[in-house]
Amino acid sequence: MLSTLLGLVIGAVITGLIGGLFLWILSKLGLGLTVNGFGPAFMGAIAIALVSALVVGLLGAFGLMPTGSGLFSAIISLVISAVILLIADRFVAGMKVHGFGGAIIGAIGFGVLGGLSSWLFG
């Protein structure tokens, strides 16, 4: 039980650090969202992870998650990611998503940074 809890905390911290770094970079590049420093970026990454787990879980429970690798699935996944950013924005002081267009741009930027880091670090 304790090792499971410790693993959860360590995973949350790592998620917060990496995601926070991504949010901070997106903010500096002016890609659809702003954060007022690394603290709000860290908390924003945690909020995004929690909201994402909730939204994806609910959509999956109702069979509404896109499957496959086509253009339609990619567009639906992008919209879901943008909505997740907009929801997380409501919970984090110091993080601001600039409308739905900003959320789309932020979701694309977040995906590009995630893809680059996966490519660089395997």
PDB file of N, CA and C in Angstrom:
ATOM      1  N   MET A   1       0.827  -1.202   0.000  1.00  0.00           N
ATOM      2  CA  MET A   1       0.000   0.000   0.000  1.00  0.00           C
ATOM      3  C   MET A   1       0.863   1.255   0.000  1.00  0.00           C
ATOM      4  N   LEU A   2       1.851   1.286   0.879  1.00  0.00           N
ATOM      5  CA  LEU A   2       2.713   2.461   0.973  1.00  0.00           C
ATOM      6  C   LEU A   2       3.553   2.632  -0.289  1.00  0.00           C
ATOM      7  N   SER A   3       4.030   1.514  -0.851  1.00  0.00           N
ATOM      8  CA  SER A   3       4.834   1.622  -2.073  1.00  0.00           C
ATOM      9  C   SER A   3       3.985   2.109  -3.244  1.00  0.00           C
ATOM     10  N   THR A   4       2.708   1.712  -3.286  1.00  0.00           N
ATOM     11  CA  THR A   4       1.806   2.183  -4.335  1.00  0.00           C
ATOM     12  C   THR A   4       1.581   3.686  -4.216  1.00  0.00           C
ATOM     13  N   LEU A   5       1.375   4.153  -2.987  1.00  0.00           N
ATOM     14  CA  LEU A   5       1.172   5.582  -2.750  1.00  0.00           C
ATOM     15  C   LEU A   5       2.429   6.373  -3.092  1.00  0.00           C
ATOM     16  N   LEU A   6       3.588   5.848  -2.709  1.00  0.00           N
ATOM     17  CA  LEU A   6       4.847   6.516  -3.012  1.00  0.00           C
ATOM     18  C   LEU A   6       5.071   6.587  -4.524  1.00  0.00           C
ATOM     19  N   GLY A   7       4.755   5.497  -5.236  1.00  0.00           N
ATOM     20  CA  GLY A   7       4.874   5.486  -6.690  1.00  0.00           C
ATOM     21  C   GLY A   7       3.954   6.506  -7.336  1.00  0.00           C
ATOM     22  N   LEU A   8       2.739   6.650  -6.798  1.00  0.00           N
ATOM     23  CA  LEU A   8       1.789   7.630  -7.306  1.00  0.00           C
ATOM     24  C   LEU A   8       2.307   9.049  -7.115  1.00  0.00           C
ATOM     25  N   VAL A   9       2.869   9.328  -5.957  1.00  0.00           N
ATOM     26  CA  VAL A   9       3.408  10.660  -5.673  1.00  0.00           C
ATOM     27  C   VAL A   9       4.605  10.963  -6.574  1.00  0.00           C
ATOM     28  N   ILE A  10       5.499   9.992  -6.721  1.00  0.00           N
ATOM     29  CA  ILE A  10       6.667  10.197  -7.586  1.00  0.00           C
ATOM     30  C   ILE A  10       6.228  10.408  -9.034  1.00  0.00           C
ATOM     31  N   GLY A  11       5.249   9.622  -9.492  1.00  0.00           N
ATOM     32  CA  GLY A  11       4.722   9.806 -10.848  1.00  0.00           C
ATOM     33  C   GLY A  11       4.106  11.169 -11.042  1.00  0.00           C
ATOM     34  N   ALA A  12       3.371  11.652 -10.031  1.00  0.00           N
ATOM     35  CA  ALA A  12       2.751  12.980 -10.125  1.00  0.00           C
ATOM     36  C   ALA A  12       3.807  14.075 -10.183  1.00  0.00           C
ATOM     37  N   VAL A  13       4.870  13.933  -9.399  1.00  0.00           N
ATOM     38  CA  VAL A  13       5.931  14.942  -9.407  1.00  0.00           C
ATOM     39  C   VAL A  13       6.640  14.962 -10.759  1.00  0.00           C
ATOM     40  N   ILE A  14       6.942  13.784 -11.299  1.00  0.00           N
ATOM     41  CA  ILE A  14       7.605  13.722 -12.604  1.00  0.00           C
ATOM     42  C   ILE A  14       6.705  14.303 -13.688  1.00  0.00           C
ATOM     43  N   THR A  15       5.412  13.930 -13.651  1.00  0.00           N
ATOM     44  CA  THR A  15       4.446  14.495 -14.604  1.00  0.00           C
ATOM     45  C   THR A  15       4.393  16.009 -14.482  1.00  0.00           C
ATOM     46  N   GLY A  16       4.349  16.502 -13.250  1.00  0.00           N
ATOM     47  CA  GLY A  16       4.304  17.945 -13.024  1.00  0.00           C
ATOM     48  C   GLY A  16       5.536  18.656 -13.529  1.00  0.00           C
ATOM     49  N   LEU A  17       6.700  18.059 -13.325  1.00  0.00           N
ATOM     50  CA  LEU A  17       7.940  18.696 -13.775  1.00  0.00           C
ATOM     51  C   LEU A  17       8.045  18.741 -15.296  1.00  0.00           C
ATOM     52  N   ILE A  18       7.787  17.603 -15.941  1.00  0.00           N
ATOM     53  CA  ILE A  18       7.895  17.559 -17.405  1.00  0.00           C
ATOM     54  C   ILE A  18       6.781  18.378 -18.054  1.00  0.00           C
ATOM     55  N   GLY A  19       5.542  18.151 -17.622  1.00  0.00           N
ATOM     56  CA  GLY A  19       4.419  18.912 -18.169  1.00  0.00           C
ATOM     57  C   GLY A  19       4.537  20.392 -17.861  1.00  0.00           C
ATOM     58  N   GLY A  20       5.003  20.709 -16.657  1.00  0.00           N
ATOM     59  CA  GLY A  20       5.212  22.109 -16.284  1.00  0.00           C
ATOM     60  C   GLY A  20       6.241  22.782 -17.177  1.00  0.00           C
ATOM     61  N   LEU A  21       7.309  22.046 -17.489  1.00  0.00           N
ATOM     62  CA  LEU A  21       8.313  22.577 -18.401  1.00  0.00           C
ATOM     63  C   LEU A  21       7.704  22.846 -19.775  1.00  0.00           C
ATOM     64  N   PHE A  22       6.875  21.905 -20.267  1.00  0.00           N
ATOM     65  CA  PHE A  22       6.209  22.090 -21.552  1.00  0.00           C
ATOM     66  C   PHE A  22       5.300  23.318 -21.521  1.00  0.00           C
ATOM     67  N   LEU A  23       4.499  23.452 -20.462  1.00  0.00           N
ATOM     68  CA  LEU A  23       3.602  24.610 -20.363  1.00  0.00           C
ATOM     69  C   LEU A  23       4.387  25.911 -20.296  1.00  0.00           C
ATOM     70  N   TRP A  24       5.465  25.904 -19.558  1.00  0.00           N
ATOM     71  CA  TRP A  24       6.289  27.109 -19.427  1.00  0.00           C
ATOM     72  C   TRP A  24       6.872  27.491 -20.791  1.00  0.00           C
ATOM     73  N   ILE A  25       7.368  26.484 -21.548  1.00  0.00           N
ATOM     74  CA  ILE A  25       7.910  26.737 -22.892  1.00  0.00           C
ATOM     75  C   ILE A  25       6.814  27.279 -23.808  1.00  0.00           C
ATOM     76  N   LEU A  26       5.630  26.650 -23.790  1.00  0.00           N
ATOM     77  CA  LEU A  26       4.519  27.134 -24.630  1.00  0.00           C
ATOM     78  C   LEU A  26       4.162  28.571 -24.288  1.00  0.00           C
ATOM     79  N   SER A  27       4.184  28.890 -23.004  1.00  0.00           N
ATOM     80  CA  SER A  27       3.872  30.251 -22.578  1.00  0.00           C
ATOM     81  C   SER A  27       4.899  31.235 -23.117  1.00  0.00           C
ATOM     82  N   LYS A  28       6.169  30.866 -23.056  1.00  0.00           N
ATOM     83  CA  LYS A  28       7.235  31.749 -23.550  1.00  0.00           C
ATOM     84  C   LYS A  28       7.163  31.930 -25.063  1.00  0.00           C
ATOM     85  N   LEU A  29       6.658  30.898 -25.773  1.00  0.00           N
ATOM     86  CA  LEU A  29       6.546  30.980 -27.225  1.00  0.00           C
ATOM     87  C   LEU A  29       5.261  31.669 -27.679  1.00  0.00           C
ATOM     88  N   GLY A  30       4.361  31.958 -26.728  1.00  0.00           N
ATOM     89  CA  GLY A  30       3.106  32.611 -27.072  1.00  0.00           C
ATOM     90  C   GLY A  30       2.158  31.712 -27.842  1.00  0.00           C
ATOM     91  N   LEU A  31       2.131  30.425 -27.502  1.00  0.00           N
ATOM     92  CA  LEU A  31       1.309  29.467 -28.240  1.00  0.00           C
ATOM     93  C   LEU A  31       0.003  29.147 -27.523  1.00  0.00           C
ATOM     94  N   GLY A  32      -0.868  30.131 -27.400  1.00  0.00           N
ATOM     95  CA  GLY A  32      -2.228  29.890 -26.953  1.00  0.00           C
ATOM     96  C   GLY A  32      -2.491  29.932 -25.472  1.00  0.00           C
ATOM     97  N   LEU A  33      -1.437  29.972 -24.660  1.00  0.00           N
ATOM     98  CA  LEU A  33      -1.657  30.039 -23.221  1.00  0.00           C
ATOM     99  C   LEU A  33      -0.509  30.765 -22.552  1.00  0.00           C
ATOM    100  N   THR A  34      -0.773  31.242 -21.341  1.00  0.00           N
ATOM    101  CA  THR A  34       0.264  31.897 -20.559  1.00  0.00           C
ATOM    102  C   THR A  34       0.243  31.339 -19.149  1.00  0.00           C
ATOM    103  N   VAL A  35       1.418  31.298 -18.550  1.00  0.00           N
ATOM    104  CA  VAL A  35       1.554  30.939 -17.145  1.00  0.00           C
ATOM    105  C   VAL A  35       2.434  31.990 -16.489  1.00  0.00           C
ATOM    106  N   ASN A  36       2.175  32.245 -15.221  1.00  0.00           N
ATOM    107  CA  ASN A  36       2.909  33.275 -14.489  1.00  0.00           C
ATOM    108  C   ASN A  36       4.081  32.681 -13.725  1.00  0.00           C
ATOM    109  N   GLY A  37       4.879  31.853 -14.348  1.00  0.00           N
ATOM    110  CA  GLY A  37       6.034  31.241 -13.706  1.00  0.00           C
ATOM    111  C   GLY A  37       5.932  29.729 -13.699  1.00  0.00           C
ATOM    112  N   PHE A  38       6.976  29.104 -13.125  1.00  0.00           N
ATOM    113  CA  PHE A  38       7.012  27.649 -13.163  1.00  0.00           C
ATOM    114  C   PHE A  38       6.040  27.016 -12.170  1.00  0.00           C
ATOM    115  N   GLY A  39       5.752  27.679 -11.064  1.00  0.00           N
ATOM    116  CA  GLY A  39       4.791  27.132 -10.092  1.00  0.00           C
ATOM    117  C   GLY A  39       3.418  26.896 -10.711  1.00  0.00           C
ATOM    118  N   PRO A  40       2.828  27.927 -11.332  1.00  0.00           N
ATOM    119  CA  PRO A  40       1.549  27.697 -12.011  1.00  0.00           C
ATOM    120  C   PRO A  40       1.661  26.704 -13.170  1.00  0.00           C
ATOM    121  N   ALA A  41       2.805  26.658 -13.847  1.00  0.00           N
ATOM    122  CA  ALA A  41       2.988  25.680 -14.918  1.00  0.00           C
ATOM    123  C   ALA A  41       2.986  24.266 -14.348  1.00  0.00           C
ATOM    124  N   PHE A  42       3.667  24.061 -13.221  1.00  0.00           N
ATOM    125  CA  PHE A  42       3.689  22.763 -12.548  1.00  0.00           C
ATOM    126  C   PHE A  42       2.277  22.350 -12.134  1.00  0.00           C
ATOM    127  N   MET A  43       1.570  23.260 -11.481  1.00  0.00           N
ATOM    128  CA  MET A  43       0.203  22.964 -11.046  1.00  0.00           C
ATOM    129  C   MET A  43      -0.720  22.763 -12.248  1.00  0.00           C
ATOM    130  N   GLY A  44      -0.483  23.512 -13.328  1.00  0.00           N
ATOM    131  CA  GLY A  44      -1.264  23.344 -14.547  1.00  0.00           C
ATOM    132  C   GLY A  44      -1.071  21.964 -15.145  1.00  0.00           C
ATOM    133  N   ALA A  45       0.161  21.471 -15.133  1.00  0.00           N
ATOM    134  CA  ALA A  45       0.426  20.131 -15.663  1.00  0.00           C
ATOM    135  C   ALA A  45      -0.286  19.070 -14.838  1.00  0.00           C
ATOM    136  N   ILE A  46      -0.278  19.224 -13.524  1.00  0.00           N
ATOM    137  CA  ILE A  46      -0.989  18.275 -12.652  1.00  0.00           C
ATOM    138  C   ILE A  46      -2.491  18.348 -12.936  1.00  0.00           C
ATOM    139  N   ALA A  47      -3.025  19.568 -13.056  1.00  0.00           N
ATOM    140  CA  ALA A  47      -4.456  19.735 -13.345  1.00  0.00           C
ATOM    141  C   ALA A  47      -4.815  19.127 -14.696  1.00  0.00           C
ATOM    142  N   ILE A  48      -3.972  19.332 -15.699  1.00  0.00           N
ATOM    143  CA  ILE A  48      -4.227  18.761 -17.029  1.00  0.00           C
ATOM    144  C   ILE A  48      -4.244  17.242 -16.951  1.00  0.00           C
ATOM    145  N   ALA A  49      -3.304  16.660 -16.213  1.00  0.00           N
ATOM    146  CA  ALA A  49      -3.264  15.201 -16.084  1.00  0.00           C
ATOM    147  C   ALA A  49      -4.520  14.671 -15.399  1.00  0.00           C
ATOM    148  N   LEU A  50      -4.961  15.352 -14.329  1.00  0.00           N
ATOM    149  CA  LEU A  50      -6.161  14.900 -13.614  1.00  0.00           C
ATOM    150  C   LEU A  50      -7.416  15.062 -14.465  1.00  0.00           C
ATOM    151  N   VAL A  51      -7.558  16.222 -15.103  1.00  0.00           N
ATOM    152  CA  VAL A  51      -8.737  16.466 -15.956  1.00  0.00           C
ATOM    153  C   VAL A  51      -8.732  15.498 -17.140  1.00  0.00           C
ATOM    154  N   SER A  52      -7.555  15.263 -17.705  1.00  0.00           N
ATOM    155  CA  SER A  52      -7.447  14.336 -18.826  1.00  0.00           C
ATOM    156  C   SER A  52      -7.883  12.930 -18.419  1.00  0.00           C
ATOM    157  N   ALA A  53      -7.426  12.471 -17.266  1.00  0.00           N
ATOM    158  CA  ALA A  53      -7.816  11.139 -16.798  1.00  0.00           C
ATOM    159  C   ALA A  53      -9.327  11.059 -16.610  1.00  0.00           C
ATOM    160  N   LEU A  54      -9.918  12.106 -16.060  1.00  0.00           N
ATOM    161  CA  LEU A  54     -11.364  12.126 -15.838  1.00  0.00           C
ATOM    162  C   LEU A  54     -12.127  12.160 -17.163  1.00  0.00           C
ATOM    163  N   VAL A  55     -11.755  13.061 -18.060  1.00  0.00           N
ATOM    164  CA  VAL A  55     -12.467  13.213 -19.333  1.00  0.00           C
ATOM    165  C   VAL A  55     -12.312  11.961 -20.198  1.00  0.00           C
ATOM    166  N   VAL A  56     -11.083  11.470 -20.323  1.00  0.00           N
ATOM    167  CA  VAL A  56     -10.847  10.283 -21.146  1.00  0.00           C
ATOM    168  C   VAL A  56     -11.553   9.073 -20.542  1.00  0.00           C
ATOM    169  N   GLY A  57     -11.532   8.979 -19.212  1.00  0.00           N
ATOM    170  CA  GLY A  57     -12.240   7.875 -18.553  1.00  0.00           C
ATOM    171  C   GLY A  57     -13.736   7.918 -18.806  1.00  0.00           C
ATOM    172  N   LEU A  58     -14.320   9.104 -18.685  1.00  0.00           N
ATOM    173  CA  LEU A  58     -15.759   9.237 -18.928  1.00  0.00           C
ATOM    174  C   LEU A  58     -16.112   8.969 -20.387  1.00  0.00           C
ATOM    175  N   LEU A  59     -15.345   9.533 -21.299  1.00  0.00           N
ATOM    176  CA  LEU A  59     -15.626   9.292 -22.720  1.00  0.00           C
ATOM    177  C   LEU A  59     -15.445   7.819 -23.080  1.00  0.00           C
ATOM    178  N   GLY A  60     -14.414   7.204 -22.511  1.00  0.00           N
ATOM    179  CA  GLY A  60     -14.182   5.785 -22.763  1.00  0.00           C
ATOM    180  C   GLY A  60     -15.294   4.916 -22.208  1.00  0.00           C
ATOM    181  N   ALA A  61     -15.825   5.291 -21.031  1.00  0.00           N
ATOM    182  CA  ALA A  61     -16.908   4.521 -20.423  1.00  0.00           C
ATOM    183  C   ALA A  61     -18.163   4.536 -21.291  1.00  0.00           C
ATOM    184  N   PHE A  62     -18.364   5.612 -22.026  1.00  0.00           N
ATOM    185  CA  PHE A  62     -19.521   5.728 -22.910  1.00  0.00           C
ATOM    186  C   PHE A  62     -19.201   5.340 -24.355  1.00  0.00           C
ATOM    187  N   GLY A  63     -17.967   4.864 -24.583  1.00  0.00           N
ATOM    188  CA  GLY A  63     -17.574   4.448 -25.922  1.00  0.00           C
ATOM    189  C   GLY A  63     -17.408   5.585 -26.902  1.00  0.00           C
ATOM    190  N   LEU A  64     -17.060   6.758 -26.401  1.00  0.00           N
ATOM    191  CA  LEU A  64     -16.972   7.942 -27.262  1.00  0.00           C
ATOM    192  C   LEU A  64     -15.537   8.352 -27.607  1.00  0.00           C
ATOM    193  N   MET A  65     -14.541   7.583 -27.171  1.00  0.00           N
ATOM    194  CA  MET A  65     -13.161   7.915 -27.507  1.00  0.00           C
ATOM    195  C   MET A  65     -12.876   7.495 -28.943  1.00  0.00           C
ATOM    196  N   PRO A  66     -12.177   8.347 -29.693  1.00  0.00           N
ATOM    197  CA  PRO A  66     -11.857   7.974 -31.077  1.00  0.00           C
ATOM    198  C   PRO A  66     -10.859   6.822 -31.111  1.00  0.00           C
ATOM    199  N   THR A  67     -11.032   5.946 -32.057  1.00  0.00           N
ATOM    200  CA  THR A  67     -10.103   4.841 -32.254  1.00  0.00           C
ATOM    201  C   THR A  67      -9.533   4.938 -33.663  1.00  0.00           C
ATOM    202  N   GLY A  68      -8.401   4.352 -33.856  1.00  0.00           N
ATOM    203  CA  GLY A  68      -7.786   4.385 -35.174  1.00  0.00           C
ATOM    204  C   GLY A  68      -6.771   5.503 -35.294  1.00  0.00           C
ATOM    205  N   SER A  69      -6.208   5.633 -36.471  1.00  0.00           N
ATOM    206  CA  SER A  69      -5.157   6.621 -36.683  1.00  0.00           C
ATOM    207  C   SER A  69      -5.463   7.556 -37.856  1.00  0.00           C
ATOM    208  N   GLY A  70      -6.705   7.663 -38.233  1.00  0.00           N
ATOM    209  CA  GLY A  70      -7.084   8.510 -39.361  1.00  0.00           C
ATOM    210  C   GLY A  70      -7.184   9.968 -38.982  1.00  0.00           C
ATOM    211  N   LEU A  71      -7.443  10.782 -39.982  1.00  0.00           N
ATOM    212  CA  LEU A  71      -7.557  12.221 -39.796  1.00  0.00           C
ATOM    213  C   LEU A  71      -8.711  12.573 -38.863  1.00  0.00           C
ATOM    214  N   PHE A  72      -9.840  11.878 -39.004  1.00  0.00           N
ATOM    215  CA  PHE A  72     -10.991  12.163 -38.146  1.00  0.00           C
ATOM    216  C   PHE A  72     -10.652  11.913 -36.675  1.00  0.00           C
ATOM    217  N   SER A  73      -9.983  10.803 -36.384  1.00  0.00           N
ATOM    218  CA  SER A  73      -9.577  10.499 -35.005  1.00  0.00           C
ATOM    219  C   SER A  73      -8.613  11.547 -34.465  1.00  0.00           C
ATOM    220  N   ALA A  74      -7.704  12.004 -35.318  1.00  0.00           N
ATOM    221  CA  ALA A  74      -6.743  13.017 -34.899  1.00  0.00           C
ATOM    222  C   ALA A  74      -7.433  14.334 -34.573  1.00  0.00           C
ATOM    223  N   ILE A  75      -8.410  14.719 -35.377  1.00  0.00           N
ATOM    224  CA  ILE A  75      -9.137  15.973 -35.136  1.00  0.00           C
ATOM    225  C   ILE A  75      -9.944  15.872 -33.846  1.00  0.00           C
ATOM    226  N   ILE A  76     -10.619  14.748 -33.642  1.00  0.00           N
ATOM    227  CA  ILE A  76     -11.396  14.566 -32.411  1.00  0.00           C
ATOM    228  C   ILE A  76     -10.475  14.586 -31.192  1.00  0.00           C
ATOM    229  N   SER A  77      -9.328  13.917 -31.265  1.00  0.00           N
ATOM    230  CA  SER A  77      -8.372  13.921 -30.155  1.00  0.00           C
ATOM    231  C   SER A  77      -7.847  15.316 -29.874  1.00  0.00           C
ATOM    232  N   LEU A  78      -7.620  16.103 -30.925  1.00  0.00           N
ATOM    233  CA  LEU A  78      -7.159  17.482 -30.757  1.00  0.00           C
ATOM    234  C   LEU A  78      -8.217  18.325 -30.056  1.00  0.00           C
ATOM    235  N   VAL A  79      -9.469  18.175 -30.453  1.00  0.00           N
ATOM    236  CA  VAL A  79     -10.556  18.922 -29.804  1.00  0.00           C
ATOM    237  C   VAL A  79     -10.680  18.513 -28.338  1.00  0.00           C
ATOM    238  N   ILE A  80     -10.574  17.218 -28.056  1.00  0.00           N
ATOM    239  CA  ILE A  80     -10.642  16.754 -26.666  1.00  0.00           C
ATOM    240  C   ILE A  80      -9.495  17.358 -25.861  1.00  0.00           C
ATOM    241  N   SER A  81      -8.293  17.387 -26.422  1.00  0.00           N
ATOM    242  CA  SER A  81      -7.140  17.977 -25.737  1.00  0.00           C
ATOM    243  C   SER A  81      -7.344  19.466 -25.477  1.00  0.00           C
ATOM    244  N   ALA A  82      -7.928  20.167 -26.444  1.00  0.00           N
ATOM    245  CA  ALA A  82      -8.194  21.597 -26.276  1.00  0.00           C
ATOM    246  C   ALA A  82      -9.214  21.817 -25.157  1.00  0.00           C
ATOM    247  N   VAL A  83     -10.252  21.002 -25.113  1.00  0.00           N
ATOM    248  CA  VAL A  83     -11.263  21.131 -24.056  1.00  0.00           C
ATOM    249  C   VAL A  83     -10.635  20.840 -22.695  1.00  0.00           C
ATOM    250  N   ILE A  84      -9.741  19.858 -22.632  1.00  0.00           N
ATOM    251  CA  ILE A  84      -9.041  19.554 -21.378  1.00  0.00           C
ATOM    252  C   ILE A  84      -8.229  20.761 -20.914  1.00  0.00           C
ATOM    253  N   LEU A  85      -7.544  21.436 -21.840  1.00  0.00           N
ATOM    254  CA  LEU A  85      -6.796  22.651 -21.478  1.00  0.00           C
ATOM    255  C   LEU A  85      -7.726  23.736 -20.949  1.00  0.00           C
ATOM    256  N   LEU A  86      -8.872  23.904 -21.594  1.00  0.00           N
ATOM    257  CA  LEU A  86      -9.828  24.928 -21.151  1.00  0.00           C
ATOM    258  C   LEU A  86     -10.380  24.612 -19.761  1.00  0.00           C
ATOM    259  N   ILE A  87     -10.622  23.343 -19.483  1.00  0.00           N
ATOM    260  CA  ILE A  87     -11.126  22.961 -18.156  1.00  0.00           C
ATOM    261  C   ILE A  87     -10.042  23.170 -17.104  1.00  0.00           C
ATOM    262  N   ALA A  88      -8.811  22.732 -17.391  1.00  0.00           N
ATOM    263  CA  ALA A  88      -7.716  22.880 -16.431  1.00  0.00           C
ATOM    264  C   ALA A  88      -7.435  24.343 -16.120  1.00  0.00           C
ATOM    265  N   ASP A  89      -7.633  25.214 -17.101  1.00  0.00           N
ATOM    266  CA  ASP A  89      -7.452  26.656 -16.920  1.00  0.00           C
ATOM    267  C   ASP A  89      -8.292  27.189 -15.761  1.00  0.00           C
ATOM    268  N   ARG A  90      -9.458  26.607 -15.558  1.00  0.00           N
ATOM    269  CA  ARG A  90     -10.379  27.068 -14.511  1.00  0.00           C
ATOM    270  C   ARG A  90      -9.889  26.757 -13.102  1.00  0.00           C
ATOM    271  N   PHE A  91      -8.982  25.781 -12.974  1.00  0.00           N
ATOM    272  CA  PHE A  91      -8.552  25.325 -11.654  1.00  0.00           C
ATOM    273  C   PHE A  91      -7.209  25.881 -11.204  1.00  0.00           C
ATOM    274  N   VAL A  92      -6.464  26.507 -12.107  1.00  0.00           N
ATOM    275  CA  VAL A  92      -5.103  26.925 -11.774  1.00  0.00           C
ATOM    276  C   VAL A  92      -4.974  28.439 -11.871  1.00  0.00           C
ATOM    277  N   ALA A  93      -4.733  29.067 -10.730  1.00  0.00           N
ATOM    278  CA  ALA A  93      -4.450  30.504 -10.728  1.00  0.00           C
ATOM    279  C   ALA A  93      -3.076  30.708 -11.355  1.00  0.00           C
ATOM    280  N   GLY A  94      -2.961  31.661 -12.231  1.00  0.00           N
ATOM    281  CA  GLY A  94      -1.692  31.930 -12.889  1.00  0.00           C
ATOM    282  C   GLY A  94      -1.526  31.231 -14.219  1.00  0.00           C
ATOM    283  N   MET A  95      -2.563  30.485 -14.647  1.00  0.00           N
ATOM    284  CA  MET A  95      -2.542  29.851 -15.966  1.00  0.00           C
ATOM    285  C   MET A  95      -3.751  30.348 -16.725  1.00  0.00           C
ATOM    286  N   LYS A  96      -3.551  30.803 -17.954  1.00  0.00           N
ATOM    287  CA  LYS A  96      -4.643  31.339 -18.761  1.00  0.00           C
ATOM    288  C   LYS A  96      -4.559  30.789 -20.174  1.00  0.00           C
ATOM    289  N   VAL A  97      -5.643  30.135 -20.602  1.00  0.00           N
ATOM    290  CA  VAL A  97      -5.766  29.669 -21.984  1.00  0.00           C
ATOM    291  C   VAL A  97      -6.589  30.721 -22.716  1.00  0.00           C
ATOM    292  N   HIS A  98      -6.103  31.166 -23.863  1.00  0.00           N
ATOM    293  CA  HIS A  98      -6.711  32.274 -24.594  1.00  0.00           C
ATOM    294  C   HIS A  98      -7.776  31.789 -25.581  1.00  0.00           C
ATOM    295  N   GLY A  99      -8.931  31.386 -25.052  1.00  0.00           N
ATOM    296  CA  GLY A  99     -10.058  30.975 -25.877  1.00  0.00           C
ATOM    297  C   GLY A  99      -9.851  29.608 -26.515  1.00  0.00           C
ATOM    298  N   PHE A 100     -10.854  29.181 -27.295  1.00  0.00           N
ATOM    299  CA  PHE A 100     -10.792  27.865 -27.917  1.00  0.00           C
ATOM    300  C   PHE A 100      -9.670  27.782 -28.951  1.00  0.00           C
ATOM    301  N   GLY A 101      -9.469  28.867 -29.702  1.00  0.00           N
ATOM    302  CA  GLY A 101      -8.360  28.888 -30.665  1.00  0.00           C
ATOM    303  C   GLY A 101      -7.016  28.740 -29.978  1.00  0.00           C
ATOM    304  N   GLY A 102      -6.856  29.437 -28.859  1.00  0.00           N
ATOM    305  CA  GLY A 102      -5.628  29.312 -28.083  1.00  0.00           C
ATOM    306  C   GLY A 102      -5.458  27.916 -27.525  1.00  0.00           C
ATOM    307  N   ALA A 103      -6.583  27.293 -27.137  1.00  0.00           N
ATOM    308  CA  ALA A 103      -6.522  25.926 -26.611  1.00  0.00           C
ATOM    309  C   ALA A 103      -6.096  24.950 -27.707  1.00  0.00           C
ATOM    310  N   ILE A 104      -6.604  25.145 -28.923  1.00  0.00           N
ATOM    311  CA  ILE A 104      -6.199  24.284 -30.048  1.00  0.00           C
ATOM    312  C   ILE A 104      -4.705  24.450 -30.312  1.00  0.00           C
ATOM    313  N   ILE A 105      -4.241  25.697 -30.380  1.00  0.00           N
ATOM    314  CA  ILE A 105      -2.823  25.955 -30.633  1.00  0.00           C
ATOM    315  C   ILE A 105      -1.978  25.390 -29.486  1.00  0.00           C
ATOM    316  N   GLY A 106      -2.431  25.588 -28.242  1.00  0.00           N
ATOM    317  CA  GLY A 106      -1.715  25.048 -27.087  1.00  0.00           C
ATOM    318  C   GLY A 106      -1.663  23.525 -27.115  1.00  0.00           C
ATOM    319  N   ALA A 107      -2.764  22.882 -27.494  1.00  0.00           N
ATOM    320  CA  ALA A 107      -2.796  21.420 -27.569  1.00  0.00           C
ATOM    321  C   ALA A 107      -1.850  20.910 -28.649  1.00  0.00           C
ATOM    322  N   ILE A 108      -1.795  21.599 -29.786  1.00  0.00           N
ATOM    323  CA  ILE A 108      -0.859  21.216 -30.841  1.00  0.00           C
ATOM    324  C   ILE A 108       0.579  21.385 -30.349  1.00  0.00           C
ATOM    325  N   GLY A 109       0.851  22.524 -29.724  1.00  0.00           N
ATOM    326  CA  GLY A 109       2.195  22.768 -29.195  1.00  0.00           C
ATOM    327  C   GLY A 109       2.599  21.752 -28.146  1.00  0.00           C
ATOM    328  N   PHE A 110       1.668  21.429 -27.246  1.00  0.00           N
ATOM    329  CA  PHE A 110       1.934  20.440 -26.202  1.00  0.00           C
ATOM    330  C   PHE A 110       2.237  19.085 -26.844  1.00  0.00           C
ATOM    331  N   GLY A 111       1.468  18.722 -27.872  1.00  0.00           N
ATOM    332  CA  GLY A 111       1.695  17.463 -28.580  1.00  0.00           C
ATOM    333  C   GLY A 111       3.031  17.431 -29.293  1.00  0.00           C
ATOM    334  N   VAL A 112       3.408  18.550 -29.924  1.00  0.00           N
ATOM    335  CA  VAL A 112       4.691  18.625 -30.620  1.00  0.00           C
ATOM    336  C   VAL A 112       5.842  18.487 -29.628  1.00  0.00           C
ATOM    337  N   LEU A 113       5.765  19.190 -28.505  1.00  0.00           N
ATOM    338  CA  LEU A 113       6.823  19.080 -27.494  1.00  0.00           C
ATOM    339  C   LEU A 113       6.900  17.665 -26.934  1.00  0.00           C
ATOM    340  N   GLY A 114       5.746  17.046 -26.697  1.00  0.00           N
ATOM    341  CA  GLY A 114       5.731  15.665 -26.214  1.00  0.00           C
ATOM    342  C   GLY A 114       6.336  14.711 -27.226  1.00  0.00           C
ATOM    343  N   GLY A 115       5.996  14.899 -28.485  1.00  0.00           N
ATOM    344  CA  GLY A 115       6.566  14.070 -29.540  1.00  0.00           C
ATOM    345  C   GLY A 115       8.067  14.246 -29.676  1.00  0.00           C
ATOM    346  N   LEU A 116       8.524  15.499 -29.600  1.00  0.00           N
ATOM    347  CA  LEU A 116       9.961  15.761 -29.676  1.00  0.00           C
ATOM    348  C   LEU A 116      10.707  15.131 -28.510  1.00  0.00           C
ATOM    349  N   SER A 117      10.145  15.238 -27.306  1.00  0.00           N
ATOM    350  CA  SER A 117      10.824  14.655 -26.156  1.00  0.00           C
ATOM    351  C   SER A 117      10.850  13.128 -26.251  1.00  0.00           C
ATOM    352  N   SER A 118       9.779  12.531 -26.755  1.00  0.00           N
ATOM    353  CA  SER A 118       9.766  11.077 -26.951  1.00  0.00           C
ATOM    354  C   SER A 118      10.807  10.666 -27.983  1.00  0.00           C
ATOM    355  N   TRP A 119      10.924  11.445 -29.035  1.00  0.00           N
ATOM    356  CA  TRP A 119      11.886  11.149 -30.084  1.00  0.00           C
ATOM    357  C   TRP A 119      13.323  11.302 -29.555  1.00  0.00           C
ATOM    358  N   LEU A 120      13.573  12.372 -28.792  1.00  0.00           N
ATOM    359  CA  LEU A 120      14.911  12.627 -28.275  1.00  0.00           C
ATOM    360  C   LEU A 120      15.333  11.623 -27.214  1.00  0.00           C
ATOM    361  N   PHE A 121      14.398  11.263 -26.322  1.00  0.00           N
ATOM    362  CA  PHE A 121      14.750  10.430 -25.176  1.00  0.00           C
ATOM    363  C   PHE A 121      14.270   8.989 -25.290  1.00  0.00           C
ATOM    364  N   GLY A 122      13.652   8.662 -26.423  1.00  0.00           N
ATOM    365  CA  GLY A 122      13.209   7.280 -26.644  1.00  0.00           C
ATOM    366  C   GLY A 122      12.084   6.955 -25.805  1.00  0.00           C
TER     367      GLY A 122
END
